[in-house]
């Protein structure tokens, strides 16, 4: 009798966990065709420019002004951008004193970099 109830419970749970329910729980992260001017600047504005924007701050965080594409591109090229936002042990974790930015945003930045990190 106990085995029958256990079996019915497992079968019931498997029907409750359908792909429809999973889609509601997880938002898809579209990383295709990332554009600096639209996608990356938006991420930086929300997560980085509070400290790393010379226009907003008299004292830009560590002298790094991520409001300028050429500065961002330099940090892309030397690998520091990804290392800092992924909290690599060999780099200062950014945002400083906070959790990582959302994985979807990290994936968007990586996609943009893999597509050539263009100023588009």
PDB file of N, CA and C in Angstrom:
ATOM      1  N   UNK A   1       0.817  -1.192   0.000  1.00  0.00           N
ATOM      2  CA  UNK A   1       0.000   0.000   0.000  1.00  0.00           C
ATOM      3  C   UNK A   1       0.865   1.263   0.000  1.00  0.00           C
ATOM      4  N   UNK A   2       1.916   1.301   0.861  1.00  0.00           N
ATOM      5  CA  UNK A   2       2.809   2.465   0.915  1.00  0.00           C
ATOM      6  C   UNK A   2       3.532   2.691  -0.401  1.00  0.00           C
ATOM      7  N   UNK A   3       3.905   1.606  -1.085  1.00  0.00           N
ATOM      8  CA  UNK A   3       4.588   1.731  -2.368  1.00  0.00           C
ATOM      9  C   UNK A   3       3.661   2.325  -3.412  1.00  0.00           C
ATOM     10  N   UNK A   4       2.396   1.960  -3.380  1.00  0.00           N
ATOM     11  CA  UNK A   4       1.418   2.494  -4.327  1.00  0.00           C
ATOM     12  C   UNK A   4       1.238   3.990  -4.101  1.00  0.00           C
ATOM     13  N   UNK A   5       1.123   4.413  -2.845  1.00  0.00           N
ATOM     14  CA  UNK A   5       0.977   5.835  -2.537  1.00  0.00           C
ATOM     15  C   UNK A   5       2.216   6.628  -2.953  1.00  0.00           C
ATOM     16  N   UNK A   6       3.385   6.074  -2.712  1.00  0.00           N
ATOM     17  CA  UNK A   6       4.626   6.724  -3.116  1.00  0.00           C
ATOM     18  C   UNK A   6       4.679   6.882  -4.625  1.00  0.00           C
ATOM     19  N   UNK A   7       4.311   5.825  -5.349  1.00  0.00           N
ATOM     20  CA  UNK A   7       4.300   5.867  -6.810  1.00  0.00           C
ATOM     21  C   UNK A   7       3.330   6.925  -7.314  1.00  0.00           C
ATOM     22  N   UNK A   8       2.128   6.964  -6.754  1.00  0.00           N
ATOM     23  CA  UNK A   8       1.133   7.952  -7.174  1.00  0.00           C
ATOM     24  C   UNK A   8       1.598   9.375  -6.865  1.00  0.00           C
ATOM     25  N   UNK A   9       2.285   9.541  -5.734  1.00  0.00           N
ATOM     26  CA  UNK A   9       2.813  10.853  -5.397  1.00  0.00           C
ATOM     27  C   UNK A   9       3.866  11.318  -6.385  1.00  0.00           C
ATOM     28  N   UNK A  10       4.737  10.418  -6.775  1.00  0.00           N
ATOM     29  CA  UNK A  10       5.791  10.758  -7.746  1.00  0.00           C
ATOM     30  C   UNK A  10       5.182  11.083  -9.100  1.00  0.00           C
ATOM     31  N   UNK A  11       4.211  10.288  -9.534  1.00  0.00           N
ATOM     32  CA  UNK A  11       3.544  10.540 -10.814  1.00  0.00           C
ATOM     33  C   UNK A  11       2.837  11.889 -10.777  1.00  0.00           C
ATOM     34  N   UNK A  12       2.183  12.199  -9.676  1.00  0.00           N
ATOM     35  CA  UNK A  12       1.488  13.486  -9.548  1.00  0.00           C
ATOM     36  C   UNK A  12       2.439  14.656  -9.621  1.00  0.00           C
ATOM     37  N   UNK A  13       3.581  14.547  -8.972  1.00  0.00           N
ATOM     38  CA  UNK A  13       4.580  15.618  -9.014  1.00  0.00           C
ATOM     39  C   UNK A  13       5.148  15.802 -10.409  1.00  0.00           C
ATOM     40  N   UNK A  14       5.340  14.711 -11.130  1.00  0.00           N
ATOM     41  CA  UNK A  14       5.916  14.839 -12.467  1.00  0.00           C
ATOM     42  C   UNK A  14       4.971  15.571 -13.404  1.00  0.00           C
ATOM     43  N   UNK A  15       3.672  15.405 -13.226  1.00  0.00           N
ATOM     44  CA  UNK A  15       2.717  16.132 -14.068  1.00  0.00           C
ATOM     45  C   UNK A  15       2.623  17.595 -13.672  1.00  0.00           C
ATOM     46  N   UNK A  16       2.877  17.900 -12.419  1.00  0.00           N
ATOM     47  CA  UNK A  16       2.804  19.283 -11.955  1.00  0.00           C
ATOM     48  C   UNK A  16       3.981  20.108 -12.451  1.00  0.00           C
ATOM     49  N   UNK A  17       5.064  19.459 -12.802  1.00  0.00           N
ATOM     50  CA  UNK A  17       6.277  20.163 -13.216  1.00  0.00           C
ATOM     51  C   UNK A  17       6.454  20.029 -14.721  1.00  0.00           C
ATOM     52  N   UNK A  18       5.619  20.702 -15.469  1.00  0.00           N
ATOM     53  CA  UNK A  18       5.687  20.641 -16.925  1.00  0.00           C
ATOM     54  C   UNK A  18       6.562  21.758 -17.450  1.00  0.00           C
ATOM     55  N   UNK A  19       6.873  21.697 -18.716  1.00  0.00           N
ATOM     56  CA  UNK A  19       7.694  22.749 -19.314  1.00  0.00           C
ATOM     57  C   UNK A  19       6.967  24.086 -19.297  1.00  0.00           C
ATOM     58  N   UNK A  20       5.631  24.080 -19.334  1.00  0.00           N
ATOM     59  CA  UNK A  20       4.875  25.325 -19.250  1.00  0.00           C
ATOM     60  C   UNK A  20       5.151  26.024 -17.929  1.00  0.00           C
ATOM     61  N   UNK A  21       5.123  25.259 -16.842  1.00  0.00           N
ATOM     62  CA  UNK A  21       5.384  25.843 -15.530  1.00  0.00           C
ATOM     63  C   UNK A  21       6.813  26.345 -15.434  1.00  0.00           C
ATOM     64  N   UNK A  22       7.759  25.637 -16.016  1.00  0.00           N
ATOM     65  CA  UNK A  22       9.157  26.054 -15.964  1.00  0.00           C
ATOM     66  C   UNK A  22       9.375  27.356 -16.721  1.00  0.00           C
ATOM     67  N   UNK A  23       8.709  27.534 -17.861  1.00  0.00           N
ATOM     68  CA  UNK A  23       8.869  28.756 -18.636  1.00  0.00           C
ATOM     69  C   UNK A  23       8.403  29.969 -17.856  1.00  0.00           C
ATOM     70  N   UNK A  24       7.371  29.800 -17.038  1.00  0.00           N
ATOM     71  CA  UNK A  24       6.888  30.903 -16.226  1.00  0.00           C
ATOM     72  C   UNK A  24       7.897  31.285 -15.161  1.00  0.00           C
ATOM     73  N   UNK A  25       8.637  30.307 -14.651  1.00  0.00           N
ATOM     74  CA  UNK A  25       9.582  30.543 -13.566  1.00  0.00           C
ATOM     75  C   UNK A  25      10.901  31.155 -14.039  1.00  0.00           C
ATOM     76  N   UNK A  26      11.284  30.932 -15.283  1.00  0.00           N
ATOM     77  CA  UNK A  26      12.572  31.394 -15.783  1.00  0.00           C
ATOM     78  C   UNK A  26      12.377  32.327 -16.968  1.00  0.00           C
ATOM     79  N   UNK A  27      12.911  33.527 -16.847  1.00  0.00           N
ATOM     80  CA  UNK A  27      12.866  34.478 -17.944  1.00  0.00           C
ATOM     81  C   UNK A  27      14.006  34.158 -18.897  1.00  0.00           C
ATOM     82  N   UNK A  28      13.712  34.155 -20.171  1.00  0.00           N
ATOM     83  CA  UNK A  28      14.743  33.877 -21.160  1.00  0.00           C
ATOM     84  C   UNK A  28      15.688  35.062 -21.273  1.00  0.00           C
ATOM     85  N   UNK A  29      16.929  34.779 -21.542  1.00  0.00           N
ATOM     86  CA  UNK A  29      17.948  35.816 -21.673  1.00  0.00           C
ATOM     87  C   UNK A  29      18.399  35.857 -23.129  1.00  0.00           C
ATOM     88  N   UNK A  30      17.963  36.862 -23.846  1.00  0.00           N
ATOM     89  CA  UNK A  30      18.320  37.005 -25.252  1.00  0.00           C
ATOM     90  C   UNK A  30      19.650  37.731 -25.357  1.00  0.00           C
ATOM     91  N   UNK A  31      20.659  37.039 -25.853  1.00  0.00           N
ATOM     92  CA  UNK A  31      21.995  37.631 -25.984  1.00  0.00           C
ATOM     93  C   UNK A  31      22.390  37.821 -27.445  1.00  0.00           C
ATOM     94  N   UNK A  32      21.434  37.745 -28.333  1.00  0.00           N
ATOM     95  CA  UNK A  32      21.746  37.883 -29.759  1.00  0.00           C
ATOM     96  C   UNK A  32      21.813  39.355 -30.150  1.00  0.00           C
ATOM     97  N   UNK A  33      22.757  39.641 -31.013  1.00  0.00           N
ATOM     98  CA  UNK A  33      22.920  40.974 -31.601  1.00  0.00           C
ATOM     99  C   UNK A  33      22.964  42.095 -30.563  1.00  0.00           C
ATOM    100  N   UNK A  34      23.829  41.947 -29.587  1.00  0.00           N
ATOM    101  CA  UNK A  34      23.990  42.974 -28.565  1.00  0.00           C
ATOM    102  C   UNK A  34      24.609  44.218 -29.178  1.00  0.00           C
ATOM    103  N   UNK A  35      24.076  45.356 -28.821  1.00  0.00           N
ATOM    104  CA  UNK A  35      24.562  46.636 -29.323  1.00  0.00           C
ATOM    105  C   UNK A  35      25.044  47.471 -28.136  1.00  0.00           C
ATOM    106  N   UNK A  36      26.189  48.078 -28.313  1.00  0.00           N
ATOM    107  CA  UNK A  36      26.770  48.891 -27.242  1.00  0.00           C
ATOM    108  C   UNK A  36      25.818  50.008 -26.830  1.00  0.00           C
ATOM    109  N   UNK A  37      25.329  50.762 -27.811  1.00  0.00           N
ATOM    110  CA  UNK A  37      24.529  51.951 -27.512  1.00  0.00           C
ATOM    111  C   UNK A  37      23.189  51.635 -26.872  1.00  0.00           C
ATOM    112  N   UNK A  38      22.687  50.443 -27.084  1.00  0.00           N
ATOM    113  CA  UNK A  38      21.370  50.110 -26.536  1.00  0.00           C
ATOM    114  C   UNK A  38      21.473  49.159 -25.347  1.00  0.00           C
ATOM    115  N   UNK A  39      22.168  48.070 -25.509  1.00  0.00           N
ATOM    116  CA  UNK A  39      22.176  47.013 -24.498  1.00  0.00           C
ATOM    117  C   UNK A  39      23.248  47.210 -23.427  1.00  0.00           C
ATOM    118  N   UNK A  40      24.481  47.424 -23.866  1.00  0.00           N
ATOM    119  CA  UNK A  40      25.603  47.470 -22.925  1.00  0.00           C
ATOM    120  C   UNK A  40      25.571  48.750 -22.093  1.00  0.00           C
ATOM    121  N   UNK A  41      25.306  49.873 -22.721  1.00  0.00           N
ATOM    122  CA  UNK A  41      25.223  51.133 -21.977  1.00  0.00           C
ATOM    123  C   UNK A  41      24.123  51.057 -20.919  1.00  0.00           C
ATOM    124  N   UNK A  42      23.023  50.395 -21.238  1.00  0.00           N
ATOM    125  CA  UNK A  42      21.927  50.240 -20.273  1.00  0.00           C
ATOM    126  C   UNK A  42      22.387  49.437 -19.047  1.00  0.00           C
ATOM    127  N   UNK A  43      23.135  48.372 -19.282  1.00  0.00           N
ATOM    128  CA  UNK A  43      23.659  47.563 -18.176  1.00  0.00           C
ATOM    129  C   UNK A  43      24.632  48.391 -17.347  1.00  0.00           C
ATOM    130  N   UNK A  44      25.540  49.083 -18.006  1.00  0.00           N
ATOM    131  CA  UNK A  44      26.511  49.916 -17.290  1.00  0.00           C
ATOM    132  C   UNK A  44      25.803  51.003 -16.495  1.00  0.00           C
ATOM    133  N   UNK A  45      24.787  51.609 -17.085  1.00  0.00           N
ATOM    134  CA  UNK A  45      24.055  52.673 -16.408  1.00  0.00           C
ATOM    135  C   UNK A  45      23.428  52.170 -15.107  1.00  0.00           C
ATOM    136  N   UNK A  46      22.880  50.964 -15.153  1.00  0.00           N
ATOM    137  CA  UNK A  46      22.227  50.398 -13.971  1.00  0.00           C
ATOM    138  C   UNK A  46      23.216  49.864 -12.943  1.00  0.00           C
ATOM    139  N   UNK A  47      24.385  49.393 -13.388  1.00  0.00           N
ATOM    140  CA  UNK A  47      25.267  48.654 -12.484  1.00  0.00           C
ATOM    141  C   UNK A  47      26.637  49.264 -12.243  1.00  0.00           C
ATOM    142  N   UNK A  48      27.100  50.149 -13.106  1.00  0.00           N
ATOM    143  CA  UNK A  48      28.496  50.590 -13.031  1.00  0.00           C
ATOM    144  C   UNK A  48      28.671  52.113 -12.927  1.00  0.00           C
ATOM    145  N   UNK A  49      27.817  52.847 -13.623  1.00  0.00           N
ATOM    146  CA  UNK A  49      28.062  54.280 -13.768  1.00  0.00           C
ATOM    147  C   UNK A  49      27.782  55.090 -12.511  1.00  0.00           C
ATOM    148  N   UNK A  50      27.198  54.468 -11.509  1.00  0.00           N
ATOM    149  CA  UNK A  50      27.032  55.163 -10.235  1.00  0.00           C
ATOM    150  C   UNK A  50      28.377  55.563  -9.651  1.00  0.00           C
ATOM    151  N   UNK A  51      29.405  54.775  -9.935  1.00  0.00           N
ATOM    152  CA  UNK A  51      30.770  55.063  -9.458  1.00  0.00           C
ATOM    153  C   UNK A  51      31.725  55.409 -10.594  1.00  0.00           C
ATOM    154  N   UNK A  52      31.509  54.823 -11.762  1.00  0.00           N
ATOM    155  CA  UNK A  52      32.478  54.939 -12.859  1.00  0.00           C
ATOM    156  C   UNK A  52      31.988  55.833 -13.996  1.00  0.00           C
ATOM    157  N   UNK A  53      31.593  57.067 -13.633  1.00  0.00           N
ATOM    158  CA  UNK A  53      31.135  58.049 -14.623  1.00  0.00           C
ATOM    159  C   UNK A  53      31.619  59.425 -14.187  1.00  0.00           C
ATOM    160  N   UNK A  54      32.553  59.996 -14.951  1.00  0.00           N
ATOM    161  CA  UNK A  54      33.156  61.282 -14.580  1.00  0.00           C
ATOM    162  C   UNK A  54      32.120  62.411 -14.559  1.00  0.00           C
ATOM    163  N   UNK A  55      31.070  62.301 -15.349  1.00  0.00           N
ATOM    164  CA  UNK A  55      30.055  63.354 -15.376  1.00  0.00           C
ATOM    165  C   UNK A  55      29.234  63.319 -14.081  1.00  0.00           C
ATOM    166  N   UNK A  56      28.910  62.146 -13.592  1.00  0.00           N
ATOM    167  CA  UNK A  56      28.103  62.014 -12.373  1.00  0.00           C
ATOM    168  C   UNK A  56      28.923  62.215 -11.106  1.00  0.00           C
ATOM    169  N   UNK A  57      30.207  61.909 -11.166  1.00  0.00           N
ATOM    170  CA  UNK A  57      31.040  61.910  -9.961  1.00  0.00           C
ATOM    171  C   UNK A  57      32.290  62.741 -10.164  1.00  0.00           C
ATOM    172  N   UNK A  58      32.592  63.556  -9.180  1.00  0.00           N
ATOM    173  CA  UNK A  58      33.857  64.287  -9.234  1.00  0.00           C
ATOM    174  C   UNK A  58      35.024  63.326  -9.123  1.00  0.00           C
ATOM    175  N   UNK A  59      34.876  62.322  -8.284  1.00  0.00           N
ATOM    176  CA  UNK A  59      35.924  61.329  -8.082  1.00  0.00           C
ATOM    177  C   UNK A  59      35.445  59.990  -8.635  1.00  0.00           C
ATOM    178  N   UNK A  60      35.775  59.721  -9.878  1.00  0.00           N
ATOM    179  CA  UNK A  60      35.360  58.477 -10.525  1.00  0.00           C
ATOM    180  C   UNK A  60      36.076  57.310  -9.869  1.00  0.00           C
ATOM    181  N   UNK A  61      35.338  56.229  -9.622  1.00  0.00           N
ATOM    182  CA  UNK A  61      35.888  55.041  -8.979  1.00  0.00           C
ATOM    183  C   UNK A  61      37.180  54.583  -9.616  1.00  0.00           C
ATOM    184  N   UNK A  62      38.272  54.663  -8.870  1.00  0.00           N
ATOM    185  CA  UNK A  62      39.612  54.257  -9.309  1.00  0.00           C
ATOM    186  C   UNK A  62      40.038  54.941 -10.600  1.00  0.00           C
ATOM    187  N   UNK A  63      39.438  56.068 -10.909  1.00  0.00           N
ATOM    188  CA  UNK A  63      39.792  56.798 -12.126  1.00  0.00           C
ATOM    189  C   UNK A  63      39.285  56.145 -13.401  1.00  0.00           C
ATOM    190  N   UNK A  64      38.372  55.204 -13.272  1.00  0.00           N
ATOM    191  CA  UNK A  64      37.854  54.481 -14.437  1.00  0.00           C
ATOM    192  C   UNK A  64      36.502  55.068 -14.818  1.00  0.00           C
ATOM    193  N   UNK A  65      36.429  55.647 -16.009  1.00  0.00           N
ATOM    194  CA  UNK A  65      35.204  56.276 -16.501  1.00  0.00           C
ATOM    195  C   UNK A  65      34.573  55.385 -17.564  1.00  0.00           C
ATOM    196  N   UNK A  66      33.630  54.541 -17.146  1.00  0.00           N
ATOM    197  CA  UNK A  66      33.001  53.601 -18.077  1.00  0.00           C
ATOM    198  C   UNK A  66      31.887  54.242 -18.903  1.00  0.00           C
ATOM    199  N   UNK A  67      31.768  55.562 -18.834  1.00  0.00           N
ATOM    200  CA  UNK A  67      30.792  56.239 -19.687  1.00  0.00           C
ATOM    201  C   UNK A  67      31.363  56.496 -21.080  1.00  0.00           C
ATOM    202  N   UNK A  68      32.627  56.175 -21.260  1.00  0.00           N
ATOM    203  CA  UNK A  68      33.297  56.403 -22.555  1.00  0.00           C
ATOM    204  C   UNK A  68      33.644  55.075 -23.206  1.00  0.00           C
ATOM    205  N   UNK A  69      33.212  54.902 -24.451  1.00  0.00           N
ATOM    206  CA  UNK A  69      33.435  53.645 -25.158  1.00  0.00           C
ATOM    207  C   UNK A  69      34.906  53.258 -25.202  1.00  0.00           C
ATOM    208  N   UNK A  70      35.811  54.204 -25.486  1.00  0.00           N
ATOM    209  CA  UNK A  70      37.226  53.849 -25.627  1.00  0.00           C
ATOM    210  C   UNK A  70      37.805  53.280 -24.338  1.00  0.00           C
ATOM    211  N   UNK A  71      37.317  53.748 -23.192  1.00  0.00           N
ATOM    212  CA  UNK A  71      37.766  53.203 -21.910  1.00  0.00           C
ATOM    213  C   UNK A  71      37.218  51.788 -21.734  1.00  0.00           C
ATOM    214  N   UNK A  72      35.922  51.620 -22.026  1.00  0.00           N
ATOM    215  CA  UNK A  72      35.302  50.297 -21.932  1.00  0.00           C
ATOM    216  C   UNK A  72      36.039  49.318 -22.833  1.00  0.00           C
ATOM    217  N   UNK A  73      36.323  49.723 -24.052  1.00  0.00           N
ATOM    218  CA  UNK A  73      36.988  48.845 -25.017  1.00  0.00           C
ATOM    219  C   UNK A  73      38.374  48.447 -24.522  1.00  0.00           C
ATOM    220  N   UNK A  74      39.089  49.363 -23.900  1.00  0.00           N
ATOM    221  CA  UNK A  74      40.414  49.039 -23.353  1.00  0.00           C
ATOM    222  C   UNK A  74      40.299  47.962 -22.277  1.00  0.00           C
ATOM    223  N   UNK A  75      39.288  48.057 -21.438  1.00  0.00           N
ATOM    224  CA  UNK A  75      39.098  47.045 -20.383  1.00  0.00           C
ATOM    225  C   UNK A  75      38.581  45.726 -20.944  1.00  0.00           C
ATOM    226  N   UNK A  76      37.874  45.790 -22.060  1.00  0.00           N
ATOM    227  CA  UNK A  76      37.482  44.563 -22.763  1.00  0.00           C
ATOM    228  C   UNK A  76      38.730  43.889 -23.307  1.00  0.00           C
ATOM    229  N   UNK A  77      39.557  44.671 -23.993  1.00  0.00           N
ATOM    230  CA  UNK A  77      40.744  44.129 -24.662  1.00  0.00           C
ATOM    231  C   UNK A  77      41.755  43.520 -23.688  1.00  0.00           C
ATOM    232  N   UNK A  78      41.890  44.100 -22.503  1.00  0.00           N
ATOM    233  CA  UNK A  78      42.867  43.540 -21.563  1.00  0.00           C
ATOM    234  C   UNK A  78      42.262  42.480 -20.638  1.00  0.00           C
ATOM    235  N   UNK A  79      40.960  42.182 -20.809  1.00  0.00           N
ATOM    236  CA  UNK A  79      40.309  41.119 -20.045  1.00  0.00           C
ATOM    237  C   UNK A  79      39.806  41.517 -18.674  1.00  0.00           C
ATOM    238  N   UNK A  80      40.051  42.757 -18.276  1.00  0.00           N
ATOM    239  CA  UNK A  80      39.659  43.174 -16.933  1.00  0.00           C
ATOM    240  C   UNK A  80      38.149  43.313 -16.765  1.00  0.00           C
ATOM    241  N   UNK A  81      37.450  43.709 -17.814  1.00  0.00           N
ATOM    242  CA  UNK A  81      36.008  43.923 -17.675  1.00  0.00           C
ATOM    243  C   UNK A  81      35.304  42.638 -17.250  1.00  0.00           C
ATOM    244  N   UNK A  82      35.504  41.574 -18.004  1.00  0.00           N
ATOM    245  CA  UNK A  82      34.851  40.307 -17.673  1.00  0.00           C
ATOM    246  C   UNK A  82      35.341  39.770 -16.330  1.00  0.00           C
ATOM    247  N   UNK A  83      36.625  39.863 -16.078  1.00  0.00           N
ATOM    248  CA  UNK A  83      37.175  39.342 -14.821  1.00  0.00           C
ATOM    249  C   UNK A  83      36.569  40.042 -13.613  1.00  0.00           C
ATOM    250  N   UNK A  84      36.375  41.344 -13.699  1.00  0.00           N
ATOM    251  CA  UNK A  84      35.827  42.062 -12.550  1.00  0.00           C
ATOM    252  C   UNK A  84      34.345  41.781 -12.351  1.00  0.00           C
ATOM    253  N   UNK A  85      33.565  41.709 -13.422  1.00  0.00           N
ATOM    254  CA  UNK A  85      32.132  41.465 -13.236  1.00  0.00           C
ATOM    255  C   UNK A  85      31.826  40.007 -12.917  1.00  0.00           C
ATOM    256  N   UNK A  86      32.757  39.100 -13.230  1.00  0.00           N
ATOM    257  CA  UNK A  86      32.576  37.700 -12.859  1.00  0.00           C
ATOM    258  C   UNK A  86      33.186  37.392 -11.493  1.00  0.00           C
ATOM    259  N   UNK A  87      33.733  38.404 -10.849  1.00  0.00           N
ATOM    260  CA  UNK A  87      34.330  38.282  -9.513  1.00  0.00           C
ATOM    261  C   UNK A  87      35.483  37.283  -9.492  1.00  0.00           C
ATOM    262  N   UNK A  88      36.326  37.353 -10.514  1.00  0.00           N
ATOM    263  CA  UNK A  88      37.543  36.542 -10.577  1.00  0.00           C
ATOM    264  C   UNK A  88      38.417  36.888  -9.376  1.00  0.00           C
ATOM    265  N   UNK A  89      38.976  35.878  -8.747  1.00  0.00           N
ATOM    266  CA  UNK A  89      39.784  36.078  -7.535  1.00  0.00           C
ATOM    267  C   UNK A  89      40.989  36.986  -7.740  1.00  0.00           C
ATOM    268  N   UNK A  90      41.484  37.115  -8.958  1.00  0.00           N
ATOM    269  CA  UNK A  90      42.676  37.910  -9.221  1.00  0.00           C
ATOM    270  C   UNK A  90      42.372  39.376  -9.527  1.00  0.00           C
ATOM    271  N   UNK A  91      41.093  39.764  -9.450  1.00  0.00           N
ATOM    272  CA  UNK A  91      40.687  41.127  -9.786  1.00  0.00           C
ATOM    273  C   UNK A  91      39.740  41.661  -8.717  1.00  0.00           C
ATOM    274  N   UNK A  92      39.606  42.980  -8.673  1.00  0.00           N
ATOM    275  CA  UNK A  92      38.631  43.589  -7.767  1.00  0.00           C
ATOM    276  C   UNK A  92      37.229  43.281  -8.273  1.00  0.00           C
ATOM    277  N   UNK A  93      36.424  42.662  -7.428  1.00  0.00           N
ATOM    278  CA  UNK A  93      35.060  42.298  -7.807  1.00  0.00           C
ATOM    279  C   UNK A  93      34.198  43.546  -7.940  1.00  0.00           C
ATOM    280  N   UNK A  94      33.484  43.624  -9.050  1.00  0.00           N
ATOM    281  CA  UNK A  94      32.584  44.748  -9.292  1.00  0.00           C
ATOM    282  C   UNK A  94      31.183  44.231  -9.546  1.00  0.00           C
ATOM    283  N   UNK A  95      30.187  44.954  -9.117  1.00  0.00           N
ATOM    284  CA  UNK A  95      30.255  46.201  -8.359  1.00  0.00           C
ATOM    285  C   UNK A  95      30.871  45.969  -6.971  1.00  0.00           C
ATOM    286  N   UNK A  96      31.657  46.936  -6.555  1.00  0.00           N
ATOM    287  CA  UNK A  96      32.410  46.793  -5.311  1.00  0.00           C
ATOM    288  C   UNK A  96      31.460  46.641  -4.124  1.00  0.00           C
ATOM    289  N   UNK A  97      31.741  45.648  -3.304  1.00  0.00           N
ATOM    290  CA  UNK A  97      30.960  45.425  -2.096  1.00  0.00           C
ATOM    291  C   UNK A  97      29.545  44.928  -2.341  1.00  0.00           C
ATOM    292  N   UNK A  98      29.273  44.470  -3.554  1.00  0.00           N
ATOM    293  CA  UNK A  98      27.922  44.009  -3.888  1.00  0.00           C
ATOM    294  C   UNK A  98      27.991  42.653  -4.578  1.00  0.00           C
ATOM    295  N   UNK A  99      26.834  42.053  -4.729  1.00  0.00           N
ATOM    296  CA  UNK A  99      26.747  40.796  -5.465  1.00  0.00           C
ATOM    297  C   UNK A  99      27.034  41.041  -6.935  1.00  0.00           C
ATOM    298  N   UNK A 100      27.327  39.969  -7.647  1.00  0.00           N
ATOM    299  CA  UNK A 100      27.520  40.068  -9.099  1.00  0.00           C
ATOM    300  C   UNK A 100      26.273  40.660  -9.740  1.00  0.00           C
ATOM    301  N   UNK A 101      26.474  41.308 -10.879  1.00  0.00           N
ATOM    302  CA  UNK A 101      25.312  41.718 -11.649  1.00  0.00           C
ATOM    303  C   UNK A 101      24.617  40.452 -12.146  1.00  0.00           C
ATOM    304  N   UNK A 102      23.387  40.576 -12.570  1.00  0.00           N
ATOM    305  CA  UNK A 102      22.621  39.407 -13.002  1.00  0.00           C
ATOM    306  C   UNK A 102      23.369  38.641 -14.083  1.00  0.00           C
ATOM    307  N   UNK A 103      23.291  37.315 -14.010  1.00  0.00           N
ATOM    308  CA  UNK A 103      23.994  36.468 -14.975  1.00  0.00           C
ATOM    309  C   UNK A 103      23.579  36.784 -16.400  1.00  0.00           C
ATOM    310  N   UNK A 104      22.320  37.101 -16.620  1.00  0.00           N
ATOM    311  CA  UNK A 104      21.863  37.459 -17.968  1.00  0.00           C
ATOM    312  C   UNK A 104      22.641  38.661 -18.488  1.00  0.00           C
ATOM    313  N   UNK A 105      22.871  39.659 -17.639  1.00  0.00           N
ATOM    314  CA  UNK A 105      23.624  40.844 -18.066  1.00  0.00           C
ATOM    315  C   UNK A 105      25.083  40.504 -18.337  1.00  0.00           C
ATOM    316  N   UNK A 106      25.656  39.623 -17.539  1.00  0.00           N
ATOM    317  CA  UNK A 106      27.026  39.169 -17.809  1.00  0.00           C
ATOM    318  C   UNK A 106      27.063  38.461 -19.161  1.00  0.00           C
ATOM    319  N   UNK A 107      26.075  37.620 -19.425  1.00  0.00           N
ATOM    320  CA  UNK A 107      26.012  36.900 -20.695  1.00  0.00           C
ATOM    321  C   UNK A 107      25.842  37.863 -21.876  1.00  0.00           C
ATOM    322  N   UNK A 108      25.077  38.926 -21.685  1.00  0.00           N
ATOM    323  CA  UNK A 108      24.901  39.932 -22.744  1.00  0.00           C
ATOM    324  C   UNK A 108      26.227  40.632 -23.038  1.00  0.00           C
ATOM    325  N   UNK A 109      26.951  40.992 -21.991  1.00  0.00           N
ATOM    326  CA  UNK A 109      28.253  41.639 -22.181  1.00  0.00           C
ATOM    327  C   UNK A 109      29.218  40.693 -22.885  1.00  0.00           C
ATOM    328  N   UNK A 110      29.243  39.428 -22.471  1.00  0.00           N
ATOM    329  CA  UNK A 110      30.115  38.444 -23.121  1.00  0.00           C
ATOM    330  C   UNK A 110      29.742  38.284 -24.590  1.00  0.00           C
ATOM    331  N   UNK A 111      28.480  38.247 -24.893  1.00  0.00           N
ATOM    332  CA  UNK A 111      28.039  38.117 -26.276  1.00  0.00           C
ATOM    333  C   UNK A 111      28.505  39.308 -27.100  1.00  0.00           C
ATOM    334  N   UNK A 112      28.332  40.498 -26.548  1.00  0.00           N
ATOM    335  CA  UNK A 112      28.778  41.711 -27.233  1.00  0.00           C
ATOM    336  C   UNK A 112      30.286  41.656 -27.484  1.00  0.00           C
ATOM    337  N   UNK A 113      31.039  41.212 -26.490  1.00  0.00           N
ATOM    338  CA  UNK A 113      32.488  41.084 -26.660  1.00  0.00           C
ATOM    339  C   UNK A 113      32.814  40.058 -27.720  1.00  0.00           C
ATOM    340  N   UNK A 114      32.161  38.902 -27.678  1.00  0.00           N
ATOM    341  CA  UNK A 114      32.415  37.840 -28.665  1.00  0.00           C
ATOM    342  C   UNK A 114      32.043  38.262 -30.088  1.00  0.00           C
ATOM    343  N   UNK A 115      31.143  39.226 -30.195  1.00  0.00           N
ATOM    344  CA  UNK A 115      30.750  39.749 -31.513  1.00  0.00           C
ATOM    345  C   UNK A 115      31.665  40.894 -31.949  1.00  0.00           C
ATOM    346  N   UNK A 116      32.721  41.161 -31.200  1.00  0.00           N
ATOM    347  CA  UNK A 116      33.705  42.171 -31.599  1.00  0.00           C
ATOM    348  C   UNK A 116      33.707  43.425 -30.764  1.00  0.00           C
ATOM    349  N   UNK A 117      32.843  43.526 -29.758  1.00  0.00           N
ATOM    350  CA  UNK A 117      32.773  44.702 -28.863  1.00  0.00           C
ATOM    351  C   UNK A 117      32.761  46.016 -29.649  1.00  0.00           C
ATOM    352  N   UNK A 118      31.890  46.054 -30.624  1.00  0.00           N
ATOM    353  CA  UNK A 118      31.816  47.232 -31.498  1.00  0.00           C
ATOM    354  C   UNK A 118      31.121  48.406 -30.816  1.00  0.00           C
ATOM    355  N   UNK A 119      31.469  49.600 -31.264  1.00  0.00           N
ATOM    356  CA  UNK A 119      30.814  50.817 -30.799  1.00  0.00           C
ATOM    357  C   UNK A 119      29.609  51.060 -31.704  1.00  0.00           C
ATOM    358  N   UNK A 120      28.585  50.259 -31.487  1.00  0.00           N
ATOM    359  CA  UNK A 120      27.415  50.331 -32.370  1.00  0.00           C
ATOM    360  C   UNK A 120      26.162  50.713 -31.609  1.00  0.00           C
TER     361      UNK A 120
END
